[in-house]
Amino acid sequence: MEGGGAAKPLRDVVAPDLDVLFCGINPSLMSAERGHHFARPGNRFWPALHLGGLTPRQFAPDEDATLPRYGLGITNVVARPTRTAAELSRAELREGAAALAELVAWYRPRVLAVLGVTAWRLAFDRPRAVLGVQPERVGGAVTCVAPNPSGLNAHHQLPDLARRYGELRRLG
């Protein structure tokens, strides 16, 4: 399996045996344009990683390739960039779920953290799923659904994101 995701508009940041592989829904248009994950201003992913104790300082999106040094990685359920995740079809999400399972089986992260309960519900056909550790594993990894860090997700504020993301490393 190709680690860089050559056919993907935004490459995966992966390495074997990560502590946590974060999985977004799909890249934003801005992230795909800039070539870095969670590149939109106002996205709380990078501050949450740092405040959750997963990185020694707050990284900028253009430093995403350094994450494997800290046992972390990033991928997406669907590779196609969109303005909003609502533009994705159920078929795209399900196809992405199958590809994600293969990627996880290949790289063997201890924990897969899917960022967004709605995407999880649609992609994995779990309509009643809630945030937290899931009863099933994806690709053999402990699987947790965590809140999406988008600034549009007002249900979860930065301190909650940081706490939940910080707990992920301890799950595996």
Protein backbone atom coordinates (compact mmCIF):
# COMPACT_ATOMS: atom_id res chain seq x y z
CA MET A 1 0.00 0.00 0.00
CA GLU A 2 1.29 3.43 -0.98
CA GLY A 3 1.66 5.62 2.13
CA GLY A 4 1.49 8.96 0.40
CA GLY A 5 -1.85 8.35 -1.26
CA ALA A 6 -0.55 9.27 -4.73
CA ALA A 7 -4.05 9.51 -6.22
CA LYS A 8 -5.32 11.63 -3.33
CA PRO A 9 -5.53 15.42 -3.63
CA LEU A 10 -4.21 15.62 -0.05
CA ARG A 11 -1.68 13.00 0.98
CA ASP A 12 -2.08 10.88 4.08
CA VAL A 13 0.29 11.56 6.96
CA VAL A 14 0.93 7.97 8.05
CA ALA A 15 3.63 5.64 9.29
CA PRO A 16 3.56 2.13 10.72
CA ASP A 17 2.47 1.58 14.33
CA LEU A 18 1.24 5.09 15.20
CA ASP A 19 -0.37 5.68 18.58
CA VAL A 20 -3.31 7.56 17.02
CA LEU A 21 -4.39 7.95 13.41
CA PHE A 22 -6.81 10.87 13.15
CA CYS A 23 -9.34 10.52 10.37
CA GLY A 24 -11.18 13.56 9.10
CA ILE A 25 -14.29 13.34 6.96
CA ASN A 26 -12.70 14.80 3.82
CA PRO A 27 -10.34 17.66 2.98
CA SER A 28 -11.65 21.19 2.71
CA LEU A 29 -10.97 22.97 -0.55
CA MET A 30 -8.45 25.14 1.28
CA SER A 31 -6.60 22.15 2.75
CA ALA A 32 -6.37 20.51 -0.68
CA GLU A 33 -5.18 23.79 -2.23
CA ARG A 34 -2.52 24.33 0.44
CA GLY A 35 -1.53 20.66 0.61
CA HIS A 36 -1.93 20.41 4.39
CA HIS A 37 -4.53 18.94 6.71
CA PHE A 38 -6.86 21.15 8.76
CA ALA A 39 -5.54 24.27 7.01
CA ARG A 40 -8.68 26.41 7.33
CA PRO A 41 -8.27 29.27 9.80
CA GLY A 42 -10.49 28.68 12.79
CA ASN A 43 -10.11 24.90 12.68
CA ARG A 44 -9.32 23.80 16.21
CA PHE A 45 -7.43 20.58 15.39
CA TRP A 46 -3.93 21.97 15.93
CA PRO A 47 -4.68 23.82 19.20
CA ALA A 48 -6.58 20.76 20.51
CA LEU A 49 -3.62 18.46 19.82
CA HIS A 50 -1.30 20.71 21.78
CA LEU A 51 -3.68 21.47 24.65
CA GLY A 52 -4.48 17.75 24.87
CA GLY A 53 -0.79 17.01 25.47
CA LEU A 54 -0.24 15.18 22.17
CA THR A 55 2.31 17.65 20.76
CA PRO A 56 4.97 19.71 22.59
CA ARG A 57 3.70 22.95 21.05
CA GLN A 58 0.95 24.08 18.72
CA PHE A 59 1.88 23.13 15.19
CA ALA A 60 0.76 24.97 12.09
CA PRO A 61 -0.97 23.04 9.29
CA ASP A 62 2.18 23.19 7.14
CA GLU A 63 3.95 21.13 9.81
CA ASP A 64 1.54 18.20 9.48
CA ALA A 65 4.28 15.90 8.10
CA THR A 66 6.07 16.06 11.48
CA LEU A 67 3.21 14.33 13.33
CA PRO A 68 4.51 10.74 12.94
CA ARG A 69 7.50 11.74 15.12
CA TYR A 70 4.96 12.11 17.92
CA GLY A 71 3.09 8.88 17.16
CA LEU A 72 0.30 10.67 15.29
CA GLY A 73 -1.06 10.64 11.75
CA ILE A 74 -3.89 12.05 9.64
CA THR A 75 -6.06 10.66 6.87
CA ASN A 76 -9.64 11.17 5.66
CA VAL A 77 -12.63 8.91 5.06
CA VAL A 78 -13.13 10.44 1.60
CA ALA A 79 -10.26 11.88 -0.47
CA ARG A 80 -12.40 14.30 -2.53
CA PRO A 81 -12.16 17.91 -1.30
CA THR A 82 -15.45 19.79 -0.91
CA ARG A 83 -16.69 23.07 0.50
CA THR A 84 -18.69 21.15 3.13
CA ALA A 85 -18.89 17.47 4.08
CA ALA A 86 -22.62 17.61 3.32
CA GLU A 87 -21.66 17.47 -0.38
CA LEU A 88 -20.47 13.87 0.01
CA SER A 89 -22.74 11.02 -0.98
CA ARG A 90 -23.47 8.04 1.23
CA ALA A 91 -21.81 5.86 -1.45
CA GLU A 92 -18.60 7.94 -1.27
CA LEU A 93 -18.55 7.64 2.50
CA ARG A 94 -19.07 3.87 2.41
CA GLU A 95 -16.41 3.42 -0.26
CA GLY A 96 -14.08 5.56 1.83
CA ALA A 97 -14.80 3.44 4.90
CA ALA A 98 -13.64 0.32 3.06
CA ALA A 99 -10.44 2.05 1.90
CA LEU A 100 -9.85 3.35 5.43
CA ALA A 101 -10.09 -0.17 6.86
CA GLU A 102 -7.40 -1.31 4.38
CA LEU A 103 -5.13 1.63 5.24
CA VAL A 104 -5.51 0.96 8.98
CA ALA A 105 -4.85 -2.78 8.54
CA TRP A 106 -1.69 -1.95 6.58
CA TYR A 107 -0.23 0.67 8.96
CA ARG A 108 -1.55 -0.79 12.25
CA PRO A 109 -2.14 2.32 14.37
CA ARG A 110 -3.17 1.45 17.92
CA VAL A 111 -6.13 3.85 17.81
CA LEU A 112 -8.20 5.16 14.90
CA ALA A 113 -9.94 8.42 15.80
CA VAL A 114 -12.73 9.29 13.36
CA LEU A 115 -13.47 13.01 13.69
CA GLY A 116 -17.20 13.40 13.29
CA VAL A 117 -20.06 11.24 14.50
CA THR A 118 -22.30 11.98 11.49
CA ALA A 119 -19.65 10.78 9.05
CA TRP A 120 -19.11 7.65 11.17
CA ARG A 121 -22.83 6.91 11.21
CA LEU A 122 -23.13 7.19 7.42
CA ALA A 123 -19.82 5.65 6.35
CA PHE A 124 -20.03 2.65 8.68
CA ASP A 125 -23.82 2.25 8.73
CA ARG A 126 -24.10 2.92 12.46
CA PRO A 127 -27.11 5.29 12.63
CA ARG A 128 -27.30 5.29 16.44
CA ALA A 129 -23.57 5.65 17.16
CA VAL A 130 -22.42 8.19 19.73
CA LEU A 131 -19.05 9.74 20.47
CA GLY A 132 -16.49 7.54 22.18
CA VAL A 133 -14.98 4.10 21.75
CA GLN A 134 -16.95 2.01 19.27
CA PRO A 135 -17.82 -1.67 19.76
CA GLU A 136 -16.18 -2.59 16.46
CA ARG A 137 -12.61 -2.16 15.33
CA VAL A 138 -11.67 -0.79 11.93
CA GLY A 139 -8.71 -2.55 10.33
CA GLY A 140 -7.90 -4.09 13.70
CA ALA A 141 -7.46 -0.78 15.56
CA VAL A 142 -9.37 0.39 18.61
CA THR A 143 -11.79 2.84 17.04
CA CYS A 144 -13.07 5.98 18.70
CA VAL A 145 -15.38 8.64 17.32
CA ALA A 146 -14.32 12.09 18.48
CA PRO A 147 -15.80 15.52 17.78
CA ASN A 148 -14.97 17.22 14.51
CA PRO A 149 -12.59 20.16 15.14
CA SER A 150 -14.20 22.42 12.54
CA GLY A 151 -15.10 25.87 13.78
CA LEU A 152 -18.60 25.11 12.48
CA ASN A 153 -19.01 22.46 15.20
CA ALA A 154 -20.21 24.69 18.02
CA HIS A 155 -21.33 21.74 20.17
CA HIS A 156 -17.76 21.14 21.34
CA GLN A 157 -15.49 23.93 22.51
CA LEU A 158 -11.69 23.81 22.43
CA PRO A 159 -11.21 22.60 26.05
CA ASP A 160 -13.55 19.64 25.37
CA LEU A 161 -11.77 18.82 22.10
CA ALA A 162 -8.38 18.96 23.84
CA ARG A 163 -9.57 16.66 26.64
CA ARG A 164 -11.10 14.13 24.24
CA TYR A 165 -8.11 14.14 21.89
CA GLY A 166 -5.69 13.82 24.82
CA GLU A 167 -7.52 10.69 26.02
CA LEU A 168 -7.04 8.93 22.67
CA ARG A 169 -3.43 7.92 23.21
CA ARG A 170 -4.41 6.05 26.39
CA LEU A 171 -7.01 3.91 24.61
CA GLY A 172 -4.71 1.65 22.60
